[in-house]
PDB file of N, CA and C in Angstrom:
ATOM      1  N   MET A   1      77.622 106.720  94.442  1.00  0.00           N
ATOM      2  CA  MET A   1      78.484 105.432  94.757  1.00  0.00           C
ATOM      3  C   MET A   1      77.588 104.245  94.865  1.00  0.00           C
ATOM      4  N   GLU A   2      78.174 103.191  94.554  1.00  0.00           N
ATOM      5  CA  GLU A   2      77.583 101.926  94.506  1.00  0.00           C
ATOM      6  C   GLU A   2      78.547 100.981  95.341  1.00  0.00           C
ATOM      7  N   VAL A   3      77.824 100.261  96.275  1.00  0.00           N
ATOM      8  CA  VAL A   3      78.637  99.283  96.974  1.00  0.00           C
ATOM      9  C   VAL A   3      77.901  97.860  96.945  1.00  0.00           C
ATOM     10  N   LYS A   4      78.796  96.863  96.471  1.00  0.00           N
ATOM     11  CA  LYS A   4      78.434  95.425  96.296  1.00  0.00           C
ATOM     12  C   LYS A   4      79.194  94.546  97.216  1.00  0.00           C
ATOM     13  N   GLU A   5      78.549  93.577  97.969  1.00  0.00           N
ATOM     14  CA  GLU A   5      79.246  92.650  98.788  1.00  0.00           C
ATOM     15  C   GLU A   5      78.759  91.296  98.181  1.00  0.00           C
ATOM     16  N   ILE A   6      79.830  90.392  97.773  1.00  0.00           N
ATOM     17  CA  ILE A   6      79.619  89.107  97.219  1.00  0.00           C
ATOM     18  C   ILE A   6      80.602  88.360  97.730  1.00  0.00           C
ATOM     19  N   LYS A   7      80.110  87.329  98.613  1.00  0.00           N
ATOM     20  CA  LYS A   7      80.880  86.213  99.089  1.00  0.00           C
ATOM     21  C   LYS A   7      82.140  86.815 100.016  1.00  0.00           C
ATOM     22  N   GLY A   8      81.809  87.729 100.752  1.00  0.00           N
ATOM     23  CA  GLY A   8      82.941  88.289 101.566  1.00  0.00           C
ATOM     24  C   GLY A   8      83.802  89.378 100.843  1.00  0.00           C
ATOM     25  N   ARG A   9      83.595  89.687  99.415  1.00  0.00           N
ATOM     26  CA  ARG A   9      84.163  90.524  98.783  1.00  0.00           C
ATOM     27  C   ARG A   9      83.459  91.958  98.668  1.00  0.00           C
ATOM     28  N   ILE A  10      84.117  93.101  98.755  1.00  0.00           N
ATOM     29  CA  ILE A  10      83.301  94.245  98.837  1.00  0.00           C
ATOM     30  C   ILE A  10      83.827  95.007  97.657  1.00  0.00           C
ATOM     31  N   LEU A  11      83.036  95.659  96.802  1.00  0.00           N
ATOM     32  CA  LEU A  11      83.401  96.465  95.580  1.00  0.00           C
ATOM     33  C   LEU A  11      82.586  97.775  95.764  1.00  0.00           C
ATOM     34  N   LYS A  12      83.329  98.777  95.805  1.00  0.00           N
ATOM     35  CA  LYS A  12      82.758 100.372  95.752  1.00  0.00           C
ATOM     36  C   LYS A  12      83.118 100.828  94.429  1.00  0.00           C
ATOM     37  N   ASN A  13      82.253 101.476  93.853  1.00  0.00           N
ATOM     38  CA  ASN A  13      82.464 102.111  92.496  1.00  0.00           C
ATOM     39  C   ASN A  13      81.661 103.258  92.431  1.00  0.00           C
ATOM     40  N   GLY A  14      82.172 104.298  91.586  1.00  0.00           N
ATOM     41  CA  GLY A  14      81.412 105.480  91.173  1.00  0.00           C
ATOM     42  C   GLY A  14      81.812 105.738  89.842  1.00  0.00           C
ATOM     43  N   LEU A  15      81.492 107.157  89.443  1.00  0.00           N
ATOM     44  CA  LEU A  15      81.854 107.545  88.001  1.00  0.00           C
ATOM     45  C   LEU A  15      83.425 107.521  87.816  1.00  0.00           C
ATOM     46  N   GLY A  16      83.817 106.487  87.053  1.00  0.00           N
ATOM     47  CA  GLY A  16      85.226 106.382  86.549  1.00  0.00           C
ATOM     48  C   GLY A  16      85.979 105.796  87.554  1.00  0.00           C
ATOM     49  N   TRP A  17      85.695 105.139  88.689  1.00  0.00           N
ATOM     50  CA  TRP A  17      86.503 104.532  89.630  1.00  0.00           C
ATOM     51  C   TRP A  17      86.081 103.340  90.160  1.00  0.00           C
ATOM     52  N   ARG A  18      86.735 102.265  90.656  1.00  0.00           N
ATOM     53  CA  ARG A  18      86.475 101.130  91.472  1.00  0.00           C
ATOM     54  C   ARG A  18      87.413 100.821  92.445  1.00  0.00           C
ATOM     55  N   LEU A  19      86.979 100.507  93.689  1.00  0.00           N
ATOM     56  CA  LEU A  19      87.852  99.988  94.877  1.00  0.00           C
ATOM     57  C   LEU A  19      87.331  98.781  95.289  1.00  0.00           C
ATOM     58  N   GLY A  20      88.105  97.709  95.658  1.00  0.00           N
ATOM     59  CA  GLY A  20      87.483  96.469  96.241  1.00  0.00           C
ATOM     60  C   GLY A  20      88.421  95.905  97.426  1.00  0.00           C
ATOM     61  N   TRP A  21      87.783  95.026  98.088  1.00  0.00           N
ATOM     62  CA  TRP A  21      88.538  94.558  99.117  1.00  0.00           C
ATOM     63  C   TRP A  21      88.167  93.098  99.346  1.00  0.00           C
ATOM     64  N   HIS A  22      89.050  92.230  99.541  1.00  0.00           N
ATOM     65  CA  HIS A  22      88.646  90.799  99.734  1.00  0.00           C
ATOM     66  C   HIS A  22      89.694  90.095 100.726  1.00  0.00           C
ATOM     67  N   PRO A  23      89.136  90.440 102.019  1.00  0.00           N
ATOM     68  CA  PRO A  23      89.982  89.891 103.214  1.00  0.00           C
ATOM     69  C   PRO A  23      90.476  88.481 103.352  1.00  0.00           C
ATOM     70  N   GLU A  24      89.760  87.724 102.653  1.00  0.00           N
ATOM     71  CA  GLU A  24      90.148  86.248 102.703  1.00  0.00           C
ATOM     72  C   GLU A  24      91.108  85.796 101.455  1.00  0.00           C
ATOM     73  N   ALA A  25      91.480  86.655 100.682  1.00  0.00           N
ATOM     74  CA  ALA A  25      92.332  86.422  99.483  1.00  0.00           C
ATOM     75  C   ALA A  25      93.758  86.086  99.999  1.00  0.00           C
ATOM     76  N   ASP A  26      94.444  85.062  99.408  1.00  0.00           N
ATOM     77  CA  ASP A  26      95.715  84.687  99.762  1.00  0.00           C
ATOM     78  C   ASP A  26      96.863  85.917  99.661  1.00  0.00           C
ATOM     79  N   THR A  27      96.868  86.483  98.605  1.00  0.00           N
ATOM     80  CA  THR A  27      98.017  87.557  98.284  1.00  0.00           C
ATOM     81  C   THR A  27      97.436  88.848  97.887  1.00  0.00           C
ATOM     82  N   TYR A  28      96.478  88.937  97.017  1.00  0.00           N
ATOM     83  CA  TYR A  28      95.861  90.309  96.620  1.00  0.00           C
ATOM     84  C   TYR A  28      94.508  90.512  97.051  1.00  0.00           C
ATOM     85  N   ARG A  29      94.555  91.264  98.162  1.00  0.00           N
ATOM     86  CA  ARG A  29      93.357  91.595  98.962  1.00  0.00           C
ATOM     87  C   ARG A  29      92.782  92.799  98.308  1.00  0.00           C
ATOM     88  N   GLY A  30      93.249  93.859  97.891  1.00  0.00           N
ATOM     89  CA  GLY A  30      92.757  95.060  97.400  1.00  0.00           C
ATOM     90  C   GLY A  30      92.523  95.091  95.716  1.00  0.00           C
ATOM     91  N   LEU A  31      91.711  95.964  95.314  1.00  0.00           N
ATOM     92  CA  LEU A  31      91.435  96.291  93.991  1.00  0.00           C
ATOM     93  C   LEU A  31      91.336  97.665  93.648  1.00  0.00           C
ATOM     94  N   VAL A  32      92.180  98.315  92.707  1.00  0.00           N
ATOM     95  CA  VAL A  32      91.852  99.674  92.285  1.00  0.00           C
ATOM     96  C   VAL A  32      91.609  99.451  90.863  1.00  0.00           C
ATOM     97  N   GLY A  33      90.688 100.500  90.196  1.00  0.00           N
ATOM     98  CA  GLY A  33      90.417 100.415  88.903  1.00  0.00           C
ATOM     99  C   GLY A  33      89.888 101.739  88.513  1.00  0.00           C
ATOM    100  N   GLY A  34      89.677 101.879  87.203  1.00  0.00           N
ATOM    101  CA  GLY A  34      89.071 103.110  86.664  1.00  0.00           C
ATOM    102  C   GLY A  34      87.846 102.471  85.605  1.00  0.00           C
ATOM    103  N   GLU A  35      87.458 103.282  84.660  1.00  0.00           N
ATOM    104  CA  GLU A  35      86.331 102.939  83.766  1.00  0.00           C
ATOM    105  C   GLU A  35      86.747 101.529  83.079  1.00  0.00           C
ATOM    106  N   ASP A  36      87.877 101.484  82.483  1.00  0.00           N
ATOM    107  CA  ASP A  36      88.136 100.157  81.717  1.00  0.00           C
ATOM    108  C   ASP A  36      89.418  99.545  81.970  1.00  0.00           C
ATOM    109  N   TRP A  37      89.878  99.815  83.374  1.00  0.00           N
ATOM    110  CA  TRP A  37      91.010  98.874  83.877  1.00  0.00           C
ATOM    111  C   TRP A  37      90.947  98.750  85.216  1.00  0.00           C
ATOM    112  N   ALA A  38      91.791  97.572  85.720  1.00  0.00           N
ATOM    113  CA  ALA A  38      91.718  97.378  87.301  1.00  0.00           C
ATOM    114  C   ALA A  38      92.910  96.368  87.461  1.00  0.00           C
ATOM    115  N   PHE A  39      93.554  96.534  88.696  1.00  0.00           N
ATOM    116  CA  PHE A  39      94.509  95.585  88.920  1.00  0.00           C
ATOM    117  C   PHE A  39      94.396  95.382  90.545  1.00  0.00           C
ATOM    118  N   GLU A  40      94.843  94.287  90.958  1.00  0.00           N
ATOM    119  CA  GLU A  40      94.763  93.972  92.457  1.00  0.00           C
ATOM    120  C   GLU A  40      96.096  94.377  93.142  1.00  0.00           C
ATOM    121  N   LEU A  41      95.880  94.607  94.341  1.00  0.00           N
ATOM    122  CA  LEU A  41      96.943  94.955  95.437  1.00  0.00           C
ATOM    123  C   LEU A  41      97.183  94.050  96.465  1.00  0.00           C
ATOM    124  N   THR A  42      98.376  93.847  96.950  1.00  0.00           N
ATOM    125  CA  THR A  42      98.442  93.298  98.281  1.00  0.00           C
ATOM    126  C   THR A  42      97.966  94.088  99.442  1.00  0.00           C
ATOM    127  N   GLU A  43      97.975  93.513 100.446  1.00  0.00           N
ATOM    128  CA  GLU A  43      97.488  94.361 101.597  1.00  0.00           C
ATOM    129  C   GLU A  43      98.460  95.488 101.823  1.00  0.00           C
ATOM    130  N   GLU A  44      99.706  95.273 101.818  1.00  0.00           N
ATOM    131  CA  GLU A  44     100.658  96.397 102.034  1.00  0.00           C
ATOM    132  C   GLU A  44     100.669  97.478 100.936  1.00  0.00           C
ATOM    133  N   GLU A  45     100.415  97.094  99.715  1.00  0.00           N
ATOM    134  CA  GLU A  45     100.231  98.044  98.674  1.00  0.00           C
ATOM    135  C   GLU A  45      98.918  98.750  98.886  1.00  0.00           C
ATOM    136  N   TRP A  46      97.902  97.933  99.314  1.00  0.00           N
ATOM    137  CA  TRP A  46      96.673  98.738  99.531  1.00  0.00           C
ATOM    138  C   TRP A  46      96.670  99.773 100.566  1.00  0.00           C
ATOM    139  N   GLN A  47      97.497  99.397 101.672  1.00  0.00           N
ATOM    140  CA  GLN A  47      97.504 100.399 102.698  1.00  0.00           C
ATOM    141  C   GLN A  47      98.385 101.542 102.366  1.00  0.00           C
ATOM    142  N   ASP A  48      99.415 101.394 101.470  1.00  0.00           N
ATOM    143  CA  ASP A  48     100.210 102.606 101.007  1.00  0.00           C
ATOM    144  C   ASP A  48      99.227 103.392 100.087  1.00  0.00           C
ATOM    145  N   PHE A  49      98.473 102.926  99.171  1.00  0.00           N
ATOM    146  CA  PHE A  49      97.638 103.432  98.378  1.00  0.00           C
ATOM    147  C   PHE A  49      96.695 104.487  99.066  1.00  0.00           C
ATOM    148  N   CYS A  50      96.021 103.902 100.084  1.00  0.00           N
ATOM    149  CA  CYS A  50      95.008 104.689 100.881  1.00  0.00           C
ATOM    150  C   CYS A  50      95.865 105.797 101.688  1.00  0.00           C
ATOM    151  N   ARG A  51      96.841 105.476 102.253  1.00  0.00           N
ATOM    152  CA  ARG A  51      97.770 106.632 103.006  1.00  0.00           C
ATOM    153  C   ARG A  51      98.172 107.740 101.888  1.00  0.00           C
ATOM    154  N   LEU A  52      98.734 107.247 100.747  1.00  0.00           N
ATOM    155  CA  LEU A  52      99.123 108.307  99.801  1.00  0.00           C
ATOM    156  C   LEU A  52      98.071 109.096  99.218  1.00  0.00           C
ATOM    157  N   LEU A  53      96.935 108.428  98.948  1.00  0.00           N
ATOM    158  CA  LEU A  53      95.856 109.159  98.334  1.00  0.00           C
ATOM    159  C   LEU A  53      95.291 110.193  99.262  1.00  0.00           C
ATOM    160  N   GLY A  54      95.213 109.787 100.529  1.00  0.00           N
ATOM    161  CA  GLY A  54      94.780 110.707 101.596  1.00  0.00           C
ATOM    162  C   GLY A  54      95.866 111.980 101.703  1.00  0.00           C
ATOM    163  N   GLN A  55      97.054 111.741 101.553  1.00  0.00           N
ATOM    164  CA  GLN A  55      97.956 112.750 101.537  1.00  0.00           C
ATOM    165  C   GLN A  55      97.904 113.704 100.417  1.00  0.00           C
ATOM    166  N   LEU A  56      97.868 113.072  99.084  1.00  0.00           N
ATOM    167  CA  LEU A  56      97.772 113.850  97.992  1.00  0.00           C
ATOM    168  C   LEU A  56      96.500 114.659  98.011  1.00  0.00           C
ATOM    169  N   GLY A  57      95.428 114.185  98.534  1.00  0.00           N
ATOM    170  CA  GLY A  57      94.134 115.088  98.539  1.00  0.00           C
ATOM    171  C   GLY A  57      94.212 116.130  99.409  1.00  0.00           C
ATOM    172  N   GLU A  58      94.831 115.834 100.587  1.00  0.00           N
ATOM    173  CA  GLU A  58      95.106 117.051 101.642  1.00  0.00           C
ATOM    174  C   GLU A  58      96.030 118.050 101.039  1.00  0.00           C
ATOM    175  N   THR A  59      97.000 117.565 100.353  1.00  0.00           N
ATOM    176  CA  THR A  59      98.118 118.576  99.803  1.00  0.00           C
ATOM    177  C   THR A  59      97.361 119.578  98.766  1.00  0.00           C
ATOM    178  N   MET A  60      96.467 118.844  97.919  1.00  0.00           N
ATOM    179  CA  MET A  60      95.942 119.644  96.608  1.00  0.00           C
ATOM    180  C   MET A  60      94.946 120.627  97.490  1.00  0.00           C
ATOM    181  N   SER A  61      94.046 120.211  98.407  1.00  0.00           N
ATOM    182  CA  SER A  61      93.305 121.151  99.170  1.00  0.00           C
ATOM    183  C   SER A  61      94.020 122.366  99.702  1.00  0.00           C
ATOM    184  N   GLN A  62      95.101 122.011 100.299  1.00  0.00           N
ATOM    185  CA  GLN A  62      95.904 123.119 100.825  1.00  0.00           C
ATOM    186  C   GLN A  62      96.533 124.120  99.817  1.00  0.00           C
ATOM    187  N   MET A  63      96.900 123.601  98.704  1.00  0.00           N
ATOM    188  CA  MET A  63      97.412 124.396  97.619  1.00  0.00           C
ATOM    189  C   MET A  63      96.313 125.458  97.014  1.00  0.00           C
ATOM    190  N   ALA A  64      95.105 125.004  97.203  1.00  0.00           N
ATOM    191  CA  ALA A  64      93.938 126.009  96.779  1.00  0.00           C
ATOM    192  C   ALA A  64      94.257 127.413  97.142  1.00  0.00           C
ATOM    193  N   GLY A  65      94.641 127.575  98.384  1.00  0.00           N
ATOM    194  CA  GLY A  65      94.824 129.018  98.734  1.00  0.00           C
ATOM    195  C   GLY A  65      96.102 129.719  98.614  1.00  0.00           C
ATOM    196  N   GLU A  66      97.124 128.799  97.956  1.00  0.00           N
ATOM    197  CA  GLU A  66      98.309 129.284  97.515  1.00  0.00           C
ATOM    198  C   GLU A  66      98.489 129.584  96.088  1.00  0.00           C
ATOM    199  N   LEU A  67      97.611 129.084  95.317  1.00  0.00           N
ATOM    200  CA  LEU A  67      97.843 129.330  93.772  1.00  0.00           C
ATOM    201  C   LEU A  67      96.719 130.410  93.289  1.00  0.00           C
ATOM    202  N   MET A  68      97.048 130.917  92.203  1.00  0.00           N
ATOM    203  CA  MET A  68      96.170 131.743  91.337  1.00  0.00           C
ATOM    204  C   MET A  68      95.057 130.857  90.823  1.00  0.00           C
ATOM    205  N   GLU A  69      93.868 131.239  90.533  1.00  0.00           N
ATOM    206  CA  GLU A  69      92.792 130.333  90.024  1.00  0.00           C
ATOM    207  C   GLU A  69      93.222 129.655  88.698  1.00  0.00           C
ATOM    208  N   GLU A  70      93.944 130.123  87.777  1.00  0.00           N
ATOM    209  CA  GLU A  70      94.325 129.513  86.634  1.00  0.00           C
ATOM    210  C   GLU A  70      95.480 128.827  86.626  1.00  0.00           C
ATOM    211  N   GLU A  71      96.320 128.734  87.789  1.00  0.00           N
ATOM    212  CA  GLU A  71      97.590 127.930  87.931  1.00  0.00           C
ATOM    213  C   GLU A  71      97.268 126.379  88.076  1.00  0.00           C
ATOM    214  N   ARG A  72      98.009 125.581  87.428  1.00  0.00           N
ATOM    215  CA  ARG A  72      98.057 124.207  87.503  1.00  0.00           C
ATOM    216  C   ARG A  72      98.960 123.748  88.479  1.00  0.00           C
ATOM    217  N   ILE A  73      99.040 122.504  88.850  1.00  0.00           N
ATOM    218  CA  ILE A  73     100.013 122.041  89.939  1.00  0.00           C
ATOM    219  C   ILE A  73     100.347 120.529  89.736  1.00  0.00           C
ATOM    220  N   THR A  74     101.308 120.056  89.832  1.00  0.00           N
ATOM    221  CA  THR A  74     101.663 118.586  89.800  1.00  0.00           C
ATOM    222  C   THR A  74     102.152 118.434  91.121  1.00  0.00           C
ATOM    223  N   CYS A  75     101.682 117.339  91.862  1.00  0.00           N
ATOM    224  CA  CYS A  75     102.208 116.741  93.284  1.00  0.00           C
ATOM    225  C   CYS A  75     102.435 115.465  93.136  1.00  0.00           C
ATOM    226  N   GLN A  76     103.551 114.784  93.652  1.00  0.00           N
ATOM    227  CA  GLN A  76     103.861 113.347  93.740  1.00  0.00           C
ATOM    228  C   GLN A  76     104.028 112.812  95.110  1.00  0.00           C
ATOM    229  N   VAL A  77     103.764 111.697  95.427  1.00  0.00           N
ATOM    230  CA  VAL A  77     103.948 111.007  96.644  1.00  0.00           C
ATOM    231  C   VAL A  77     104.354 109.639  96.109  1.00  0.00           C
ATOM    232  N   GLU A  78     105.034 109.046  97.148  1.00  0.00           N
ATOM    233  CA  GLU A  78     105.476 107.716  96.718  1.00  0.00           C
ATOM    234  C   GLU A  78     105.924 106.815  98.039  1.00  0.00           C
ATOM    235  N   SER A  79     106.071 105.507  97.900  1.00  0.00           N
ATOM    236  CA  SER A  79     106.498 104.664  98.824  1.00  0.00           C
ATOM    237  C   SER A  79     107.394 103.661  98.117  1.00  0.00           C
ATOM    238  N   ASP A  80     107.831 102.661  98.791  1.00  0.00           N
ATOM    239  CA  ASP A  80     108.668 101.742  98.033  1.00  0.00           C
ATOM    240  C   ASP A  80     107.748 100.795  97.219  1.00  0.00           C
ATOM    241  N   ARG A  81     106.557 100.945  97.428  1.00  0.00           N
ATOM    242  CA  ARG A  81     105.729  99.969  96.608  1.00  0.00           C
ATOM    243  C   ARG A  81     104.933 100.637  95.461  1.00  0.00           C
ATOM    244  N   LEU A  82     104.493 101.917  95.692  1.00  0.00           N
ATOM    245  CA  LEU A  82     103.825 102.590  94.626  1.00  0.00           C
ATOM    246  C   LEU A  82     104.176 104.041  94.682  1.00  0.00           C
ATOM    247  N   TRP A  83     103.533 104.684  93.376  1.00  0.00           N
ATOM    248  CA  TRP A  83     103.723 106.040  93.269  1.00  0.00           C
ATOM    249  C   TRP A  83     102.465 106.608  92.750  1.00  0.00           C
ATOM    250  N   LEU A  84     102.076 107.774  93.460  1.00  0.00           N
ATOM    251  CA  LEU A  84     100.865 108.669  92.897  1.00  0.00           C
ATOM    252  C   LEU A  84     101.315 109.959  92.509  1.00  0.00           C
ATOM    253  N   GLU A  85     100.540 110.619  91.424  1.00  0.00           N
ATOM    254  CA  GLU A  85     100.820 111.982  91.058  1.00  0.00           C
ATOM    255  C   GLU A  85      99.557 112.464  90.722  1.00  0.00           C
ATOM    256  N   ALA A  86      99.243 113.701  91.280  1.00  0.00           N
ATOM    257  CA  ALA A  86      98.126 114.550  91.011  1.00  0.00           C
ATOM    258  C   ALA A  86      98.453 115.645  90.003  1.00  0.00           C
ATOM    259  N   GLU A  87      97.880 115.769  88.918  1.00  0.00           N
ATOM    260  CA  GLU A  87      98.183 117.023  88.000  1.00  0.00           C
ATOM    261  C   GLU A  87      96.858 117.705  87.602  1.00  0.00           C
ATOM    262  N   GLY A  88      96.913 119.011  87.786  1.00  0.00           N
ATOM    263  CA  GLY A  88      95.714 119.919  87.289  1.00  0.00           C
ATOM    264  C   GLY A  88      95.572 121.053  88.384  1.00  0.00           C
ATOM    265  N   PHE A  89      94.291 121.257  88.629  1.00  0.00           N
ATOM    266  CA  PHE A  89      93.936 122.385  89.564  1.00  0.00           C
ATOM    267  C   PHE A  89      93.648 121.860  90.743  1.00  0.00           C
ATOM    268  N   PRO A  90      93.905 122.552  91.921  1.00  0.00           N
ATOM    269  CA  PRO A  90      93.489 121.970  93.268  1.00  0.00           C
ATOM    270  C   PRO A  90      92.168 121.463  93.440  1.00  0.00           C
ATOM    271  N   HIS A  91      91.256 121.852  92.692  1.00  0.00           N
ATOM    272  CA  HIS A  91      89.777 121.580  92.942  1.00  0.00           C
ATOM    273  C   HIS A  91      89.413 120.615  91.826  1.00  0.00           C
ATOM    274  N   ALA A  92      90.300 120.263  90.827  1.00  0.00           N
ATOM    275  CA  ALA A  92      89.978 119.324  89.612  1.00  0.00           C
ATOM    276  C   ALA A  92      91.284 119.020  89.056  1.00  0.00           C
ATOM    277  N   TYR A  93      91.681 117.656  89.500  1.00  0.00           N
ATOM    278  CA  TYR A  93      92.974 117.138  89.022  1.00  0.00           C
ATOM    279  C   TYR A  93      92.802 115.830  88.639  1.00  0.00           C
ATOM    280  N   GLU A  94      93.709 115.134  87.806  1.00  0.00           N
ATOM    281  CA  GLU A  94      93.812 113.870  87.373  1.00  0.00           C
ATOM    282  C   GLU A  94      94.766 113.114  88.222  1.00  0.00           C
ATOM    283  N   LEU A  95      94.632 111.813  88.399  1.00  0.00           N
ATOM    284  CA  LEU A  95      95.372 111.063  89.230  1.00  0.00           C
ATOM    285  C   LEU A  95      96.097 109.902  88.620  1.00  0.00           C
ATOM    286  N   ARG A  96      97.332 109.682  88.743  1.00  0.00           N
ATOM    287  CA  ARG A  96      98.025 108.654  88.067  1.00  0.00           C
ATOM    288  C   ARG A  96      98.754 107.747  89.221  1.00  0.00           C
ATOM    289  N   LEU A  97      98.662 106.446  88.949  1.00  0.00           N
ATOM    290  CA  LEU A  97      99.166 105.316  89.800  1.00  0.00           C
ATOM    291  C   LEU A  97     100.112 104.580  89.108  1.00  0.00           C
ATOM    292  N   ILE A  98     101.301 104.305  89.717  1.00  0.00           N
ATOM    293  CA  ILE A  98     102.182 103.279  89.100  1.00  0.00           C
ATOM    294  C   ILE A  98     102.650 102.436  90.126  1.00  0.00           C
ATOM    295  N   LEU A  99     102.492 101.151  90.134  1.00  0.00           N
ATOM    296  CA  LEU A  99     102.921 100.034  91.116  1.00  0.00           C
ATOM    297  C   LEU A  99     104.538  99.815  90.741  1.00  0.00           C
ATOM    298  N   ASN A 100     105.329 100.067  91.760  1.00  0.00           N
ATOM    299  CA  ASN A 100     106.577  99.717  91.727  1.00  0.00           C
ATOM    300  C   ASN A 100     107.237  98.466  91.878  1.00  0.00           C
ATOM    301  N   SER A 101     106.362  97.678  92.550  1.00  0.00           N
ATOM    302  CA  SER A 101     106.826  96.248  93.033  1.00  0.00           C
ATOM    303  C   SER A 101     106.483  95.327  92.011  1.00  0.00           C
ATOM    304  N   GLY A 102     107.164  94.236  91.830  1.00  0.00           N
ATOM    305  CA  GLY A 102     106.905  93.098  90.992  1.00  0.00           C
ATOM    306  C   GLY A 102     106.038  93.208  89.737  1.00  0.00           C
ATOM    307  N   ARG A 103     104.805  93.606  89.855  1.00  0.00           N
ATOM    308  CA  ARG A 103     104.041  93.487  88.586  1.00  0.00           C
ATOM    309  C   ARG A 103     103.956  94.775  87.718  1.00  0.00           C
ATOM    310  N   ARG A 104     104.517  95.901  88.144  1.00  0.00           N
ATOM    311  CA  ARG A 104     104.667  97.163  87.348  1.00  0.00           C
ATOM    312  C   ARG A 104     103.349  97.604  86.594  1.00  0.00           C
ATOM    313  N   CYS A 105     102.371  97.712  87.354  1.00  0.00           N
ATOM    314  CA  CYS A 105     101.070  98.154  86.878  1.00  0.00           C
ATOM    315  C   CYS A 105     100.879  99.610  86.771  1.00  0.00           C
ATOM    316  N   GLU A 106     100.181 100.168  85.982  1.00  0.00           N
ATOM    317  CA  GLU A 106      99.875 101.614  85.912  1.00  0.00           C
ATOM    318  C   GLU A 106      98.298 101.805  85.694  1.00  0.00           C
ATOM    319  N   GLY A 107      97.929 102.855  86.201  1.00  0.00           N
ATOM    320  CA  GLY A 107      96.450 103.370  86.037  1.00  0.00           C
ATOM    321  C   GLY A 107      96.341 104.719  86.226  1.00  0.00           C
ATOM    322  N   ASN A 108      95.175 105.302  85.860  1.00  0.00           N
ATOM    323  CA  ASN A 108      94.830 106.716  86.085  1.00  0.00           C
ATOM    324  C   ASN A 108      93.238 106.994  86.145  1.00  0.00           C
ATOM    325  N   TRP A 109      93.055 108.038  86.614  1.00  0.00           N
ATOM    326  CA  TRP A 109      91.656 108.448  86.902  1.00  0.00           C
ATOM    327  C   TRP A 109      91.479 109.890  86.530  1.00  0.00           C
ATOM    328  N   SER A 110      90.455 110.289  85.766  1.00  0.00           N
ATOM    329  CA  SER A 110      90.198 111.626  85.273  1.00  0.00           C
ATOM    330  C   SER A 110      89.749 112.453  86.339  1.00  0.00           C
ATOM    331  N   ALA A 111      89.875 113.745  86.326  1.00  0.00           N
ATOM    332  CA  ALA A 111      89.410 114.746  87.246  1.00  0.00           C
ATOM    333  C   ALA A 111      88.012 114.437  87.718  1.00  0.00           C
ATOM    334  N   ASP A 112      87.183 113.989  86.942  1.00  0.00           N
ATOM    335  CA  ASP A 112      85.707 113.755  87.175  1.00  0.00           C
ATOM    336  C   ASP A 112      85.591 112.639  88.271  1.00  0.00           C
ATOM    337  N   ALA A 113      86.463 111.855  88.180  1.00  0.00           N
ATOM    338  CA  ALA A 113      86.548 110.603  89.180  1.00  0.00           C
ATOM    339  C   ALA A 113      87.310 110.807  90.515  1.00  0.00           C
ATOM    340  N   VAL A 114      88.307 111.604  90.428  1.00  0.00           N
ATOM    341  CA  VAL A 114      89.144 111.832  91.506  1.00  0.00           C
ATOM    342  C   VAL A 114      88.402 112.359  92.863  1.00  0.00           C
ATOM    343  N   GLY A 115      87.674 113.293  92.601  1.00  0.00           N
ATOM    344  CA  GLY A 115      86.952 113.960  93.850  1.00  0.00           C
ATOM    345  C   GLY A 115      86.462 113.007  94.572  1.00  0.00           C
ATOM    346  N   GLU A 116      85.610 112.099  94.069  1.00  0.00           N
ATOM    347  CA  GLU A 116      84.790 111.038  94.958  1.00  0.00           C
ATOM    348  C   GLU A 116      85.785 110.080  95.215  1.00  0.00           C
ATOM    349  N   LEU A 117      86.710 109.616  94.556  1.00  0.00           N
ATOM    350  CA  LEU A 117      87.643 108.594  95.026  1.00  0.00           C
ATOM    351  C   LEU A 117      88.501 109.051  96.301  1.00  0.00           C
ATOM    352  N   VAL A 118      88.804 110.257  96.216  1.00  0.00           N
ATOM    353  CA  VAL A 118      89.567 111.027  97.400  1.00  0.00           C
ATOM    354  C   VAL A 118      88.730 111.036  98.646  1.00  0.00           C
ATOM    355  N   ALA A 119      87.205 111.356  98.311  1.00  0.00           N
ATOM    356  CA  ALA A 119      86.447 111.585  99.477  1.00  0.00           C
ATOM    357  C   ALA A 119      86.100 110.056 100.112  1.00  0.00           C
ATOM    358  N   VAL A 120      86.283 109.054  99.342  1.00  0.00           N
ATOM    359  CA  VAL A 120      85.998 107.721  99.799  1.00  0.00           C
ATOM    360  C   VAL A 120      87.134 107.225 100.520  1.00  0.00           C
ATOM    361  N   ALA A 121      88.428 107.773 100.467  1.00  0.00           N
ATOM    362  CA  ALA A 121      89.705 107.287 100.949  1.00  0.00           C
ATOM    363  C   ALA A 121      89.562 107.156 102.364  1.00  0.00           C
ATOM    364  N   PRO A 122      88.983 108.149 103.351  1.00  0.00           N
ATOM    365  CA  PRO A 122      88.953 107.903 104.718  1.00  0.00           C
ATOM    366  C   PRO A 122      87.953 106.663 105.174  1.00  0.00           C
ATOM    367  N   MET A 123      87.231 106.357 104.291  1.00  0.00           N
ATOM    368  CA  MET A 123      86.322 104.963 104.632  1.00  0.00           C
ATOM    369  C   MET A 123      86.911 103.823 104.068  1.00  0.00           C
ATOM    370  N   LEU A 124      88.060 103.824 103.468  1.00  0.00           N
ATOM    371  CA  LEU A 124      88.785 102.591 102.974  1.00  0.00           C
ATOM    372  C   LEU A 124      89.118 101.608 103.970  1.00  0.00           C
ATOM    373  N   ALA A 125      89.521 102.122 105.126  1.00  0.00           N
ATOM    374  CA  ALA A 125      89.942 101.301 106.185  1.00  0.00           C
ATOM    375  C   ALA A 125      88.645 100.329 106.815  1.00  0.00           C
ATOM    376  N   VAL A 126      87.402 100.891 106.405  1.00  0.00           N
ATOM    377  CA  VAL A 126      86.293 100.219 106.703  1.00  0.00           C
ATOM    378  C   VAL A 126      86.165  98.831 106.094  1.00  0.00           C
ATOM    379  N   PHE A 127      86.815  98.678 104.917  1.00  0.00           N
ATOM    380  CA  PHE A 127      86.770  97.403 104.224  1.00  0.00           C
ATOM    381  C   PHE A 127      87.567  96.377 105.088  1.00  0.00           C
TER     382      PHE A 127
END
């Protein structure tokens, strides 16, 4: 994982994912992105993203003990602002994000990126 801080902006990135925070921004303080896409989030959208990502990660971990090794699963969580979907195996799944408010953005992360992205989620509040 790489962390950059430039003029009060923080950008964390790893293989196939990017997360950013700019506390001084007027409207869009958060940033989510993948290998070749990114979009900004309001503070409220950012908070929902962090909370829902944590919930999905925990649910997928819990499902590992409930499924046979070859079984795939799809889990969805949402708020008024955004929707997240995990699809795959409990230990290796893809993640999809759709922004429900105003801008209607969509993004996704490969299974290779999701493990690290979810692991970073508890540290997002540090931004």
